[in-house]
Amino acid sequence: MDGRDVAIEYRFAENQRERLPALAADLVGRKVAAIVATGGGNAILAAKASTTTIPIVFTFGGDPVKEGFVASFNRPGANLTGVTFFSTLVTGKGLELLHELLPNAAVIALMVNPNNLESSTTMAGAQEAARTLGWQLFVFNASTPNEIDVAFATLRQHRVDALVVASDPFFSTRRQQIVALVTREAIPNIGFSREWVADGGLMSYGNDVADVYRRAGLYTARILKGENAADLPVDQATRFEFLINLKAAKTLGLDVPPSLLARADEVIE
């Protein structure tokens, strides 16, 4: 329990990645027993650069081996291990779900944050899925609130039929802004977390985030009890959630196919 069995020091860069190295160095200076790096690859890089001895537990939506965080999944080596949930691979699934809802659509938009290490993999997966579905895909970059507004102005010009919002910590913090814009522009959409649908988005498909962090917490507990990060294989979270907001569908004038409703883990009416 925080404050009784263990003291937890929280640091948040407020989506300013240039602050991450200083925050990581501060934790190292406090001689913490372990660092939990969440919020994307930039946080992991900052933690990794700050220490070669303090154990680091990460959560990451891409491939930690490809990015050089660990040597392999089974034997991560050094002082890093964690949980990967391959959020970059679910974007293609999101396009497939939109296709089932909008079989006559032709032009789809994907919003990504170019500052996210996983953005290139996300775009590649989305482009492959779009080609398979016969869709034209436009990719829009946004890494600030103003760039989100600019992206939506561009969406109008391209007359897109639907929008896919990539999994990204920055987009999580700007979720209400983005949902308000898709609602105003009447654009069918799919996000990456249940909070997207709870805030008024149409559909969401992604990892069970609570499960991801629970797994990271369990790994951290094992390290605090004496196990070595190098000996803990990278865990892979495989629980996914698919949610549909029928109220949003009604507002958009969409009839959700019964087959899609039957596959949803949760339907909000």
Protein backbone atom coordinates (compact mmCIF):
# COMPACT_ATOMS: atom_id res chain seq x y z
CA MET A 1 0.00 0.00 0.00
CA ASP A 2 1.31 3.46 -0.93
CA GLY A 3 2.67 5.20 2.17
CA ARG A 4 2.68 2.05 4.29
CA ASP A 5 4.57 -0.72 2.48
CA VAL A 6 6.10 1.43 -0.24
CA ALA A 7 6.40 5.13 -1.10
CA ILE A 8 5.53 6.05 -4.70
CA GLU A 9 7.03 9.13 -6.34
CA TYR A 10 4.92 10.33 -9.30
CA ARG A 11 6.30 12.37 -12.18
CA PHE A 12 4.31 13.64 -15.17
CA ALA A 13 5.83 15.46 -18.16
CA GLU A 14 2.46 16.96 -19.18
CA ASN A 15 3.04 15.78 -22.75
CA GLN A 16 6.28 17.73 -23.00
CA ARG A 17 8.80 15.08 -23.95
CA GLU A 18 11.74 17.46 -23.48
CA ARG A 19 11.02 17.34 -19.73
CA LEU A 20 11.41 13.55 -19.52
CA PRO A 21 15.23 13.35 -19.10
CA ALA A 22 15.18 15.76 -16.14
CA LEU A 23 12.29 13.91 -14.51
CA ALA A 24 14.06 10.58 -14.92
CA ALA A 25 17.30 12.02 -13.54
CA ASP A 26 15.41 13.36 -10.53
CA LEU A 27 14.08 9.89 -9.73
CA VAL A 28 17.54 8.39 -10.08
CA GLY A 29 18.88 11.06 -7.76
CA ARG A 30 16.32 10.06 -5.16
CA LYS A 31 17.72 6.52 -5.32
CA VAL A 32 14.34 4.92 -6.00
CA ALA A 33 14.14 1.11 -5.89
CA ALA A 34 12.49 0.87 -9.32
CA ILE A 35 11.18 3.10 -12.11
CA VAL A 36 7.89 2.39 -13.89
CA ALA A 37 7.99 4.07 -17.32
CA THR A 38 4.60 4.55 -18.96
CA GLY A 39 3.18 6.87 -21.57
CA GLY A 40 5.09 5.71 -24.63
CA GLY A 41 8.56 5.04 -25.89
CA ASN A 42 9.98 8.48 -25.12
CA ALA A 43 9.49 7.90 -21.39
CA ILE A 44 11.24 4.54 -21.64
CA LEU A 45 14.17 6.07 -23.53
CA ALA A 46 14.56 8.76 -20.87
CA ALA A 47 14.49 6.22 -18.05
CA LYS A 48 16.92 3.91 -19.87
CA ALA A 49 19.37 6.75 -20.47
CA SER A 50 19.24 7.82 -16.83
CA THR A 51 20.38 4.56 -15.20
CA THR A 52 21.91 1.19 -15.95
CA THR A 53 21.36 -0.18 -12.46
CA ILE A 54 17.91 0.78 -11.18
CA PRO A 55 15.28 -1.70 -12.46
CA ILE A 56 12.88 -0.24 -15.03
CA VAL A 57 9.42 -1.68 -15.72
CA PHE A 58 7.81 -0.31 -18.87
CA THR A 59 4.46 -0.42 -20.61
CA PHE A 60 4.84 -0.12 -24.37
CA GLY A 61 2.50 -0.33 -27.32
CA GLY A 62 5.16 -1.30 -29.84
CA ASP A 63 7.94 -3.86 -30.17
CA PRO A 64 10.48 -3.35 -27.34
CA VAL A 65 13.05 -5.57 -29.08
CA LYS A 66 12.86 -3.60 -32.33
CA GLU A 67 13.23 -0.33 -30.43
CA GLY A 68 16.28 -1.66 -28.57
CA PHE A 69 14.79 -1.50 -25.09
CA VAL A 70 15.48 -5.19 -24.44
CA ALA A 71 17.61 -7.89 -26.03
CA SER A 72 14.72 -10.35 -26.45
CA PHE A 73 11.28 -11.08 -25.07
CA ASN A 74 12.37 -14.15 -23.13
CA ARG A 75 15.66 -12.77 -21.87
CA PRO A 76 15.39 -8.97 -21.76
CA GLY A 77 18.82 -8.53 -20.16
CA ALA A 78 20.19 -5.40 -18.49
CA ASN A 79 17.81 -3.57 -16.13
CA LEU A 80 14.62 -3.33 -18.22
CA THR A 81 11.55 -5.48 -18.56
CA GLY A 82 7.84 -4.76 -18.74
CA VAL A 83 4.57 -5.26 -20.54
CA THR A 84 3.94 -4.84 -24.24
CA PHE A 85 0.46 -4.63 -25.69
CA PHE A 86 1.15 -3.99 -29.40
CA SER A 87 -1.34 -1.13 -29.67
CA THR A 88 0.21 -0.32 -33.05
CA LEU A 89 -1.23 -3.54 -34.45
CA VAL A 90 -4.85 -2.88 -33.42
CA THR A 91 -5.24 0.09 -35.76
CA GLY A 92 -5.82 -2.25 -38.70
CA LYS A 93 -8.50 -4.02 -36.69
CA GLY A 94 -10.14 -0.65 -36.09
CA LEU A 95 -10.33 -0.08 -39.83
CA GLU A 96 -11.92 -3.51 -40.28
CA LEU A 97 -14.60 -2.68 -37.72
CA LEU A 98 -15.31 0.63 -39.45
CA HIS A 99 -15.60 -1.21 -42.75
CA GLU A 100 -18.23 -3.51 -41.29
CA LEU A 101 -20.17 -0.47 -40.12
CA LEU A 102 -19.56 1.62 -43.26
CA PRO A 103 -19.16 -0.80 -46.20
CA ASN A 104 -19.73 1.98 -48.75
CA ALA A 105 -17.11 4.34 -47.34
CA ALA A 106 -14.15 5.24 -49.56
CA VAL A 107 -11.96 7.81 -47.78
CA ILE A 108 -10.66 7.25 -44.24
CA ALA A 109 -8.51 9.47 -42.05
CA LEU A 110 -5.94 8.37 -39.49
CA MET A 111 -4.77 10.79 -36.80
CA VAL A 112 -1.33 10.10 -35.30
CA ASN A 113 1.12 11.91 -33.08
CA PRO A 114 4.46 12.15 -34.96
CA ASN A 115 6.31 12.53 -31.65
CA ASN A 116 5.27 9.02 -30.64
CA LEU A 117 7.92 6.39 -31.35
CA GLU A 118 5.20 3.95 -32.39
CA SER A 119 3.62 6.25 -35.01
CA SER A 120 5.47 4.82 -38.03
CA THR A 121 4.42 1.26 -37.17
CA THR A 122 0.86 2.43 -36.60
CA MET A 123 0.75 4.12 -40.00
CA ALA A 124 2.21 1.09 -41.76
CA GLY A 125 -0.42 -1.20 -40.24
CA ALA A 126 -3.23 1.19 -41.11
CA GLN A 127 -2.03 1.62 -44.70
CA GLU A 128 -1.86 -2.13 -45.21
CA ALA A 129 -5.38 -2.58 -43.84
CA ALA A 130 -6.69 0.28 -45.99
CA ARG A 131 -5.22 -1.30 -49.15
CA THR A 132 -6.81 -4.63 -48.28
CA LEU A 133 -10.20 -2.95 -47.74
CA GLY A 134 -9.91 -0.83 -50.89
CA TRP A 135 -9.95 2.42 -48.97
CA GLN A 136 -8.06 5.65 -49.55
CA LEU A 137 -6.24 6.59 -46.34
CA PHE A 138 -5.17 10.10 -45.35
CA VAL A 139 -2.79 10.44 -42.41
CA PHE A 140 -2.97 13.59 -40.29
CA ASN A 141 -0.31 14.54 -37.75
CA ALA A 142 -1.15 16.29 -34.49
CA SER A 143 1.03 16.81 -31.43
CA THR A 144 -0.53 19.98 -29.95
CA PRO A 145 -4.14 21.07 -29.26
CA ASN A 146 -3.91 23.61 -32.09
CA GLU A 147 -2.68 20.96 -34.54
CA ILE A 148 -5.74 18.87 -33.68
CA ASP A 149 -7.97 21.79 -34.70
CA VAL A 150 -5.95 22.26 -37.91
CA ALA A 151 -6.24 18.54 -38.69
CA PHE A 152 -10.02 18.69 -38.48
CA ALA A 153 -10.12 21.67 -40.82
CA THR A 154 -8.17 19.52 -43.30
CA LEU A 155 -10.52 16.59 -42.74
CA ARG A 156 -13.39 18.73 -44.01
CA GLN A 157 -11.45 19.53 -47.18
CA HIS A 158 -10.83 15.85 -47.92
CA ARG A 159 -14.46 14.90 -47.20
CA VAL A 160 -13.44 11.84 -45.22
CA ASP A 161 -16.04 9.19 -44.42
CA ALA A 162 -14.60 8.18 -41.05
CA LEU A 163 -11.72 8.83 -38.64
CA VAL A 164 -9.40 6.45 -36.79
CA VAL A 165 -7.61 7.98 -33.81
CA ALA A 166 -4.37 6.13 -33.06
CA SER A 167 -3.46 5.01 -29.56
CA ASP A 168 -1.39 7.77 -28.00
CA PRO A 169 -0.94 9.29 -24.50
CA PHE A 170 -1.34 12.82 -25.86
CA PHE A 171 -4.62 11.95 -27.56
CA SER A 172 -5.80 10.47 -24.26
CA THR A 173 -5.35 13.85 -22.58
CA ARG A 174 -7.11 15.62 -25.48
CA ARG A 175 -9.89 13.06 -25.81
CA GLN A 176 -12.73 15.46 -25.00
CA GLN A 177 -11.46 17.98 -27.54
CA ILE A 178 -11.29 15.35 -30.28
CA VAL A 179 -14.68 13.83 -29.44
CA ALA A 180 -16.25 17.29 -29.50
CA LEU A 181 -14.80 17.87 -32.97
CA VAL A 182 -15.94 14.54 -34.46
CA THR A 183 -19.39 15.20 -32.99
CA ARG A 184 -19.53 18.71 -34.45
CA GLU A 185 -18.33 17.51 -37.85
CA ALA A 186 -20.57 14.39 -37.74
CA ILE A 187 -17.67 12.05 -38.58
CA PRO A 188 -18.00 8.33 -37.77
CA ASN A 189 -15.02 7.43 -35.63
CA ILE A 190 -13.14 4.79 -33.67
CA GLY A 191 -10.74 5.39 -30.79
CA PHE A 192 -8.52 3.12 -28.73
CA SER A 193 -9.96 3.08 -25.20
CA ARG A 194 -13.27 2.65 -23.41
CA GLU A 195 -12.97 6.27 -22.22
CA TRP A 196 -13.31 7.35 -25.86
CA VAL A 197 -16.79 5.85 -26.03
CA ALA A 198 -17.69 7.01 -22.53
CA ASP A 199 -16.93 10.59 -23.61
CA GLY A 200 -19.22 10.32 -26.64
CA GLY A 201 -17.10 8.65 -29.33
CA LEU A 202 -18.76 6.13 -31.64
CA MET A 203 -16.59 3.01 -31.21
CA SER A 204 -13.37 1.97 -29.54
CA TYR A 205 -11.09 -0.99 -29.94
CA GLY A 206 -7.93 -1.52 -27.98
CA ASN A 207 -6.20 -3.20 -25.11
CA ASP A 208 -7.73 -3.47 -21.67
CA VAL A 209 -5.60 -0.68 -20.18
CA ALA A 210 -6.37 -1.65 -16.59
CA ASP A 211 -5.04 -5.14 -17.32
CA VAL A 212 -1.84 -3.68 -18.82
CA TYR A 213 -1.09 -1.60 -15.72
CA ARG A 214 -2.04 -4.42 -13.38
CA ARG A 215 0.55 -6.61 -15.10
CA ALA A 216 3.17 -3.86 -14.81
CA GLY A 217 2.34 -3.48 -11.13
CA LEU A 218 2.79 -7.21 -10.53
CA TYR A 219 6.20 -7.12 -12.22
CA THR A 220 7.22 -4.12 -10.12
CA ALA A 221 6.14 -5.94 -6.94
CA ARG A 222 8.25 -8.96 -7.91
CA ILE A 223 11.29 -6.73 -8.43
CA LEU A 224 10.75 -4.99 -5.09
CA LYS A 225 10.71 -8.42 -3.48
CA GLY A 226 14.11 -9.22 -4.90
CA GLU A 227 13.75 -10.57 -8.45
CA ASN A 228 15.93 -9.20 -11.25
CA ALA A 229 14.41 -7.34 -14.20
CA ALA A 230 16.77 -9.19 -16.54
CA ASP A 231 15.23 -12.51 -15.49
CA LEU A 232 11.62 -11.49 -16.06
CA PRO A 233 10.47 -12.14 -19.66
CA VAL A 234 8.61 -9.25 -21.29
CA ASP A 235 4.93 -9.84 -20.61
CA GLN A 236 2.41 -9.55 -23.45
CA ALA A 237 -1.06 -8.24 -22.65
CA THR A 238 -3.62 -9.90 -24.88
CA ARG A 239 -6.96 -8.70 -23.51
CA PHE A 240 -8.83 -6.41 -25.92
CA GLU A 241 -12.07 -4.47 -25.62
CA PHE A 242 -14.56 -3.45 -28.31
CA LEU A 243 -17.19 -0.88 -27.33
CA ILE A 244 -20.03 0.76 -29.28
CA ASN A 245 -21.96 3.91 -28.39
CA LEU A 246 -25.48 3.56 -29.81
CA LYS A 247 -26.37 7.10 -28.81
CA ALA A 248 -23.51 8.42 -30.94
CA ALA A 249 -24.57 6.11 -33.78
CA LYS A 250 -28.10 7.51 -33.65
CA THR A 251 -26.77 11.07 -33.72
CA LEU A 252 -24.77 10.18 -36.84
CA GLY A 253 -27.79 8.49 -38.43
CA LEU A 254 -26.09 5.09 -38.49
CA ASP A 255 -27.67 1.67 -38.08
CA VAL A 256 -25.21 -0.64 -36.39
CA PRO A 257 -25.39 -4.17 -37.87
CA PRO A 258 -26.53 -6.86 -35.39
CA SER A 259 -23.36 -8.83 -36.18
CA LEU A 260 -21.26 -5.91 -34.95
CA LEU A 261 -23.35 -5.46 -31.82
CA ALA A 262 -23.00 -9.15 -31.02
CA ARG A 263 -19.20 -8.86 -31.08
CA ALA A 264 -19.04 -5.85 -28.79
CA ASP A 265 -17.81 -6.34 -25.23
CA GLU A 266 -20.01 -3.45 -24.16
CA VAL A 267 -22.77 -1.41 -25.81
CA ILE A 268 -23.65 2.03 -24.45
CA GLU A 269 -27.23 3.05 -25.13
